[in-house]
Amino acid sequence: MRYFTLLLPVILSGCGIFTNLEGAWEGTCEFSAYDMDVEIDIESDDGGELEGEAQASFLYYGYQFELEGEAEGKYDGGEVEIDLDFGENGSIEILGELVDSETIEGECTSGGVDADIELER
């Protein structure tokens, strides 16, 4: 029984239960008309409540766009939800799953358009 008690935290950490999402995450939303590079710096993971800053950049019909804003979200088990707010320039919603402690896979939505995303730190 003592060995199980000692191994339980190790086993659960492999399941993502003790994973902290603080840090820099990068990925690309692969929309059909363009790719949007996304950088998220999660500064606080307080019991699954996420807060930080976000940047996005993309080239659209020859024009380069650079956006900066806030990131808020939540993390529960393996499910991750992050909302990126760029003020009057719009927002991106990311819904994904923590594949391992360094990778989130899912979908990003902006302006009603969905795209696949993989975030890595």
N, C-alpha and C. Protein backbone atom coordinates (compact mmCIF):
# COMPACT_ATOMS: atom_id res chain seq x y z
N MET A 1 0.83 -1.20 0.00
CA MET A 1 0.00 0.00 0.00
C MET A 1 0.87 1.26 0.00
N ARG A 2 1.98 1.20 0.73
CA ARG A 2 2.86 2.35 0.78
C ARG A 2 3.43 2.70 -0.60
N TYR A 3 3.76 1.66 -1.38
CA TYR A 3 4.31 1.90 -2.72
C TYR A 3 3.28 2.55 -3.63
N PHE A 4 2.02 2.14 -3.51
CA PHE A 4 0.96 2.73 -4.32
C PHE A 4 0.81 4.21 -3.98
N THR A 5 0.87 4.54 -2.70
CA THR A 5 0.75 5.93 -2.26
C THR A 5 1.88 6.77 -2.84
N LEU A 6 3.06 6.22 -2.91
CA LEU A 6 4.20 6.95 -3.46
C LEU A 6 4.12 7.06 -4.98
N LEU A 7 3.55 6.07 -5.64
CA LEU A 7 3.46 6.09 -7.10
C LEU A 7 2.26 6.85 -7.64
N LEU A 8 1.25 7.05 -6.82
CA LEU A 8 0.03 7.72 -7.29
C LEU A 8 0.31 9.09 -7.91
N PRO A 9 1.08 9.98 -7.26
CA PRO A 9 1.35 11.28 -7.91
C PRO A 9 2.07 11.14 -9.25
N VAL A 10 2.96 10.17 -9.37
CA VAL A 10 3.66 9.96 -10.63
C VAL A 10 2.70 9.50 -11.71
N ILE A 11 1.82 8.58 -11.38
CA ILE A 11 0.84 8.07 -12.33
C ILE A 11 -0.10 9.19 -12.77
N LEU A 12 -0.61 9.97 -11.82
CA LEU A 12 -1.55 11.04 -12.15
C LEU A 12 -0.90 12.16 -12.94
N SER A 13 0.38 12.45 -12.69
CA SER A 13 1.04 13.50 -13.45
C SER A 13 1.15 13.12 -14.92
N GLY A 14 1.27 11.84 -15.21
CA GLY A 14 1.27 11.37 -16.60
C GLY A 14 -0.07 11.55 -17.27
N CYS A 15 -1.15 11.61 -16.49
CA CYS A 15 -2.49 11.81 -17.03
C CYS A 15 -2.81 13.28 -17.25
N GLY A 16 -1.90 14.17 -16.83
CA GLY A 16 -2.14 15.60 -17.01
C GLY A 16 -2.86 16.25 -15.85
N ILE A 17 -3.14 15.51 -14.79
CA ILE A 17 -3.90 16.08 -13.68
C ILE A 17 -3.11 17.17 -12.95
N PHE A 18 -1.79 17.01 -12.85
CA PHE A 18 -0.97 17.99 -12.15
C PHE A 18 -0.22 18.92 -13.09
N THR A 19 -0.57 18.96 -14.36
CA THR A 19 0.12 19.78 -15.34
C THR A 19 -0.25 21.24 -15.16
N ASN A 20 0.77 22.10 -15.14
CA ASN A 20 0.59 23.53 -15.08
C ASN A 20 0.83 24.07 -16.49
N LEU A 21 -0.05 24.93 -16.97
CA LEU A 21 0.05 25.41 -18.35
C LEU A 21 0.79 26.74 -18.48
N GLU A 22 1.37 27.25 -17.39
CA GLU A 22 2.11 28.50 -17.48
C GLU A 22 3.27 28.37 -18.46
N GLY A 23 3.52 29.45 -19.18
CA GLY A 23 4.64 29.47 -20.12
C GLY A 23 4.22 29.97 -21.48
N ALA A 24 5.17 29.94 -22.40
CA ALA A 24 4.96 30.42 -23.77
C ALA A 24 4.51 29.26 -24.65
N TRP A 25 3.42 29.47 -25.39
CA TRP A 25 2.86 28.48 -26.31
C TRP A 25 2.82 29.10 -27.70
N GLU A 26 3.15 28.32 -28.73
CA GLU A 26 3.12 28.81 -30.10
C GLU A 26 2.42 27.80 -31.00
N GLY A 27 1.72 28.31 -32.00
CA GLY A 27 1.06 27.44 -32.95
C GLY A 27 0.53 28.22 -34.14
N THR A 28 -0.14 27.53 -35.04
CA THR A 28 -0.68 28.15 -36.24
C THR A 28 -2.12 27.69 -36.47
N CYS A 29 -3.03 28.66 -36.59
CA CYS A 29 -4.40 28.37 -37.01
C CYS A 29 -4.37 28.28 -38.54
N GLU A 30 -4.72 27.12 -39.06
CA GLU A 30 -4.62 26.89 -40.50
C GLU A 30 -5.97 27.11 -41.18
N PHE A 31 -6.35 28.39 -41.33
CA PHE A 31 -7.60 28.73 -42.02
C PHE A 31 -7.44 28.44 -43.51
N SER A 32 -8.56 28.31 -44.22
CA SER A 32 -8.47 27.96 -45.64
C SER A 32 -7.83 29.08 -46.47
N ALA A 33 -8.04 30.34 -46.13
CA ALA A 33 -7.52 31.46 -46.93
C ALA A 33 -6.13 31.93 -46.47
N TYR A 34 -5.73 31.59 -45.25
CA TYR A 34 -4.44 32.05 -44.72
C TYR A 34 -4.11 31.27 -43.44
N ASP A 35 -2.85 31.34 -43.06
CA ASP A 35 -2.40 30.78 -41.78
C ASP A 35 -2.16 31.91 -40.81
N MET A 36 -2.63 31.75 -39.56
CA MET A 36 -2.44 32.76 -38.53
C MET A 36 -1.53 32.19 -37.45
N ASP A 37 -0.35 32.80 -37.30
CA ASP A 37 0.58 32.40 -36.24
C ASP A 37 0.10 32.98 -34.92
N VAL A 38 0.06 32.14 -33.89
CA VAL A 38 -0.45 32.53 -32.58
C VAL A 38 0.62 32.27 -31.53
N GLU A 39 0.84 33.25 -30.67
CA GLU A 39 1.73 33.10 -29.53
C GLU A 39 0.95 33.48 -28.28
N ILE A 40 0.97 32.60 -27.29
CA ILE A 40 0.25 32.83 -26.04
C ILE A 40 1.23 32.67 -24.89
N ASP A 41 1.30 33.69 -24.03
CA ASP A 41 2.13 33.62 -22.84
C ASP A 41 1.19 33.51 -21.64
N ILE A 42 1.02 32.30 -21.14
CA ILE A 42 0.16 32.10 -19.97
C ILE A 42 0.98 32.44 -18.73
N GLU A 43 0.60 33.55 -18.10
CA GLU A 43 1.33 34.05 -16.95
C GLU A 43 0.82 33.48 -15.64
N SER A 44 -0.43 32.99 -15.64
CA SER A 44 -1.03 32.48 -14.41
C SER A 44 -1.94 31.29 -14.72
N ASP A 45 -1.71 30.21 -13.99
CA ASP A 45 -2.58 29.03 -14.04
C ASP A 45 -2.99 28.77 -12.59
N ASP A 46 -4.05 29.44 -12.18
CA ASP A 46 -4.49 29.39 -10.80
C ASP A 46 -5.64 28.38 -10.69
N GLY A 47 -5.31 27.14 -10.40
CA GLY A 47 -6.32 26.11 -10.25
C GLY A 47 -7.12 25.86 -11.51
N GLY A 48 -6.47 26.00 -12.66
CA GLY A 48 -7.16 25.77 -13.92
C GLY A 48 -7.70 27.03 -14.57
N GLU A 49 -7.64 28.17 -13.89
CA GLU A 49 -8.04 29.45 -14.47
C GLU A 49 -6.80 30.10 -15.08
N LEU A 50 -6.83 30.32 -16.40
CA LEU A 50 -5.66 30.79 -17.13
C LEU A 50 -5.76 32.27 -17.46
N GLU A 51 -4.63 32.98 -17.34
CA GLU A 51 -4.56 34.39 -17.73
C GLU A 51 -3.20 34.67 -18.34
N GLY A 52 -3.18 35.56 -19.32
CA GLY A 52 -1.91 35.92 -19.94
C GLY A 52 -2.09 36.89 -21.07
N GLU A 53 -1.10 36.89 -21.96
CA GLU A 53 -1.09 37.78 -23.10
C GLU A 53 -1.03 36.98 -24.38
N ALA A 54 -1.47 37.58 -25.49
CA ALA A 54 -1.50 36.87 -26.76
C ALA A 54 -1.07 37.79 -27.90
N GLN A 55 -0.49 37.17 -28.91
CA GLN A 55 -0.14 37.84 -30.15
C GLN A 55 -0.56 36.94 -31.30
N ALA A 56 -0.96 37.57 -32.40
CA ALA A 56 -1.29 36.83 -33.61
C ALA A 56 -0.80 37.63 -34.80
N SER A 57 -0.35 36.93 -35.82
CA SER A 57 0.09 37.61 -37.04
C SER A 57 -0.30 36.76 -38.25
N PHE A 58 -0.64 37.46 -39.33
CA PHE A 58 -1.00 36.76 -40.56
C PHE A 58 -0.90 37.70 -41.75
N LEU A 59 -0.70 37.11 -42.92
CA LEU A 59 -0.63 37.82 -44.18
C LEU A 59 -1.93 37.54 -44.92
N TYR A 60 -2.67 38.63 -45.26
CA TYR A 60 -3.97 38.48 -45.90
C TYR A 60 -4.03 39.41 -47.11
N TYR A 61 -4.11 38.83 -48.30
CA TYR A 61 -4.14 39.59 -49.55
C TYR A 61 -3.02 40.63 -49.63
N GLY A 62 -1.83 40.23 -49.24
CA GLY A 62 -0.67 41.10 -49.34
C GLY A 62 -0.47 42.05 -48.18
N TYR A 63 -1.38 42.06 -47.22
CA TYR A 63 -1.26 42.94 -46.06
C TYR A 63 -0.88 42.11 -44.83
N GLN A 64 0.13 42.58 -44.11
CA GLN A 64 0.58 41.90 -42.89
C GLN A 64 -0.16 42.49 -41.68
N PHE A 65 -0.76 41.63 -40.88
CA PHE A 65 -1.48 42.05 -39.68
C PHE A 65 -0.76 41.52 -38.45
N GLU A 66 -0.59 42.38 -37.45
CA GLU A 66 0.02 42.02 -36.17
C GLU A 66 -0.96 42.43 -35.07
N LEU A 67 -1.41 41.48 -34.27
CA LEU A 67 -2.40 41.75 -33.22
C LEU A 67 -1.81 41.43 -31.86
N GLU A 68 -2.17 42.22 -30.86
CA GLU A 68 -1.78 41.97 -29.47
C GLU A 68 -3.01 42.08 -28.59
N GLY A 69 -3.08 41.22 -27.57
CA GLY A 69 -4.23 41.26 -26.70
C GLY A 69 -4.07 40.41 -25.46
N GLU A 70 -5.19 40.08 -24.87
CA GLU A 70 -5.24 39.33 -23.61
C GLU A 70 -5.69 37.90 -23.86
N ALA A 71 -5.21 37.00 -23.01
CA ALA A 71 -5.62 35.59 -23.07
C ALA A 71 -6.25 35.21 -21.74
N GLU A 72 -7.41 34.58 -21.80
CA GLU A 72 -8.08 34.04 -20.62
C GLU A 72 -8.65 32.68 -20.97
N GLY A 73 -8.70 31.82 -19.99
CA GLY A 73 -9.26 30.51 -20.28
C GLY A 73 -9.34 29.63 -19.07
N LYS A 74 -9.56 28.35 -19.35
CA LYS A 74 -9.63 27.38 -18.26
C LYS A 74 -9.09 26.04 -18.73
N TYR A 75 -8.66 25.28 -17.77
CA TYR A 75 -8.08 23.97 -18.01
C TYR A 75 -8.67 23.02 -16.99
N ASP A 76 -9.33 21.96 -17.49
CA ASP A 76 -9.97 20.99 -16.60
C ASP A 76 -9.68 19.59 -17.12
N GLY A 77 -8.87 18.86 -16.37
CA GLY A 77 -8.47 17.53 -16.83
C GLY A 77 -7.62 17.68 -18.06
N GLY A 78 -8.06 17.15 -19.18
CA GLY A 78 -7.32 17.28 -20.42
C GLY A 78 -7.89 18.32 -21.35
N GLU A 79 -9.04 18.92 -20.98
CA GLU A 79 -9.71 19.90 -21.85
C GLU A 79 -9.19 21.31 -21.58
N VAL A 80 -8.87 22.03 -22.66
CA VAL A 80 -8.33 23.38 -22.57
C VAL A 80 -9.21 24.32 -23.41
N GLU A 81 -9.56 25.45 -22.82
CA GLU A 81 -10.31 26.49 -23.54
C GLU A 81 -9.60 27.81 -23.29
N ILE A 82 -9.19 28.48 -24.38
CA ILE A 82 -8.49 29.76 -24.26
C ILE A 82 -9.14 30.76 -25.21
N ASP A 83 -9.51 31.92 -24.67
CA ASP A 83 -10.07 33.00 -25.46
C ASP A 83 -9.03 34.10 -25.60
N LEU A 84 -8.73 34.47 -26.85
CA LEU A 84 -7.78 35.54 -27.13
C LEU A 84 -8.58 36.76 -27.56
N ASP A 85 -8.45 37.86 -26.82
CA ASP A 85 -9.22 39.08 -27.09
C ASP A 85 -8.27 40.15 -27.62
N PHE A 86 -8.51 40.55 -28.88
CA PHE A 86 -7.68 41.57 -29.51
C PHE A 86 -8.43 42.89 -29.63
N GLY A 87 -9.39 43.13 -28.73
CA GLY A 87 -10.15 44.37 -28.71
C GLY A 87 -10.95 44.55 -29.98
N GLU A 88 -10.85 45.73 -30.57
CA GLU A 88 -11.63 46.03 -31.78
C GLU A 88 -11.17 45.20 -32.99
N ASN A 89 -10.03 44.52 -32.87
CA ASN A 89 -9.53 43.68 -33.97
C ASN A 89 -10.05 42.25 -33.92
N GLY A 90 -10.95 41.96 -32.99
CA GLY A 90 -11.58 40.65 -32.96
C GLY A 90 -11.06 39.73 -31.88
N SER A 91 -11.38 38.47 -32.02
CA SER A 91 -11.00 37.49 -31.01
C SER A 91 -10.81 36.12 -31.67
N ILE A 92 -10.17 35.24 -30.92
CA ILE A 92 -9.97 33.85 -31.34
C ILE A 92 -10.33 32.97 -30.15
N GLU A 93 -11.09 31.93 -30.40
CA GLU A 93 -11.39 30.96 -29.36
C GLU A 93 -10.66 29.66 -29.70
N ILE A 94 -9.92 29.13 -28.74
CA ILE A 94 -9.20 27.87 -28.94
C ILE A 94 -9.80 26.83 -28.00
N LEU A 95 -10.27 25.74 -28.57
CA LEU A 95 -10.78 24.61 -27.80
C LEU A 95 -9.90 23.42 -28.15
N GLY A 96 -9.30 22.82 -27.12
CA GLY A 96 -8.39 21.73 -27.42
C GLY A 96 -8.23 20.75 -26.29
N GLU A 97 -7.32 19.84 -26.51
CA GLU A 97 -7.03 18.79 -25.56
C GLU A 97 -5.53 18.76 -25.32
N LEU A 98 -5.15 18.62 -24.07
CA LEU A 98 -3.74 18.51 -23.71
C LEU A 98 -3.28 17.10 -24.05
N VAL A 99 -2.45 16.98 -25.10
CA VAL A 99 -1.98 15.69 -25.57
C VAL A 99 -0.87 15.17 -24.65
N ASP A 100 0.04 16.07 -24.29
CA ASP A 100 1.07 15.80 -23.30
C ASP A 100 1.40 17.15 -22.65
N SER A 101 2.36 17.20 -21.77
CA SER A 101 2.62 18.44 -21.03
C SER A 101 3.14 19.57 -21.92
N GLU A 102 3.47 19.27 -23.18
CA GLU A 102 4.04 20.28 -24.08
C GLU A 102 3.20 20.55 -25.32
N THR A 103 2.03 19.89 -25.46
CA THR A 103 1.26 20.01 -26.70
C THR A 103 -0.25 20.08 -26.43
N ILE A 104 -0.90 21.06 -27.07
CA ILE A 104 -2.36 21.18 -27.07
C ILE A 104 -2.81 21.06 -28.52
N GLU A 105 -3.74 20.16 -28.81
CA GLU A 105 -4.30 20.01 -30.15
C GLU A 105 -5.78 20.33 -30.10
N GLY A 106 -6.26 21.05 -31.14
CA GLY A 106 -7.69 21.35 -31.16
C GLY A 106 -8.07 22.23 -32.33
N GLU A 107 -9.07 23.09 -32.08
CA GLU A 107 -9.60 23.99 -33.10
C GLU A 107 -9.52 25.42 -32.62
N CYS A 108 -9.28 26.33 -33.56
CA CYS A 108 -9.41 27.75 -33.26
C CYS A 108 -10.53 28.31 -34.13
N THR A 109 -11.26 29.24 -33.58
CA THR A 109 -12.39 29.85 -34.29
C THR A 109 -12.23 31.37 -34.24
N SER A 110 -12.35 32.00 -35.40
CA SER A 110 -12.30 33.45 -35.49
C SER A 110 -13.28 33.91 -36.56
N GLY A 111 -14.17 34.81 -36.20
CA GLY A 111 -15.15 35.31 -37.15
C GLY A 111 -16.06 34.23 -37.71
N GLY A 112 -16.33 33.20 -36.91
CA GLY A 112 -17.21 32.13 -37.33
C GLY A 112 -16.55 31.08 -38.21
N VAL A 113 -15.23 31.20 -38.43
CA VAL A 113 -14.49 30.26 -39.26
C VAL A 113 -13.61 29.39 -38.36
N ASP A 114 -13.65 28.07 -38.57
CA ASP A 114 -12.88 27.13 -37.77
C ASP A 114 -11.61 26.70 -38.50
N ALA A 115 -10.59 26.38 -37.71
CA ALA A 115 -9.33 25.86 -38.26
C ALA A 115 -8.68 24.96 -37.23
N ASP A 116 -7.84 24.07 -37.69
CA ASP A 116 -7.07 23.22 -36.78
C ASP A 116 -5.90 24.01 -36.22
N ILE A 117 -5.50 23.65 -34.98
CA ILE A 117 -4.34 24.26 -34.35
C ILE A 117 -3.63 23.24 -33.48
N GLU A 118 -2.32 23.38 -33.43
CA GLU A 118 -1.50 22.62 -32.49
C GLU A 118 -0.59 23.63 -31.81
N LEU A 119 -0.74 23.75 -30.48
CA LEU A 119 0.10 24.66 -29.71
C LEU A 119 1.19 23.84 -29.02
N GLU A 120 2.41 24.37 -29.06
CA GLU A 120 3.53 23.70 -28.38
C GLU A 120 4.28 24.71 -27.53
N ARG A 121 4.88 24.20 -26.44
CA ARG A 121 5.73 25.09 -25.66
C ARG A 121 7.12 24.53 -25.58
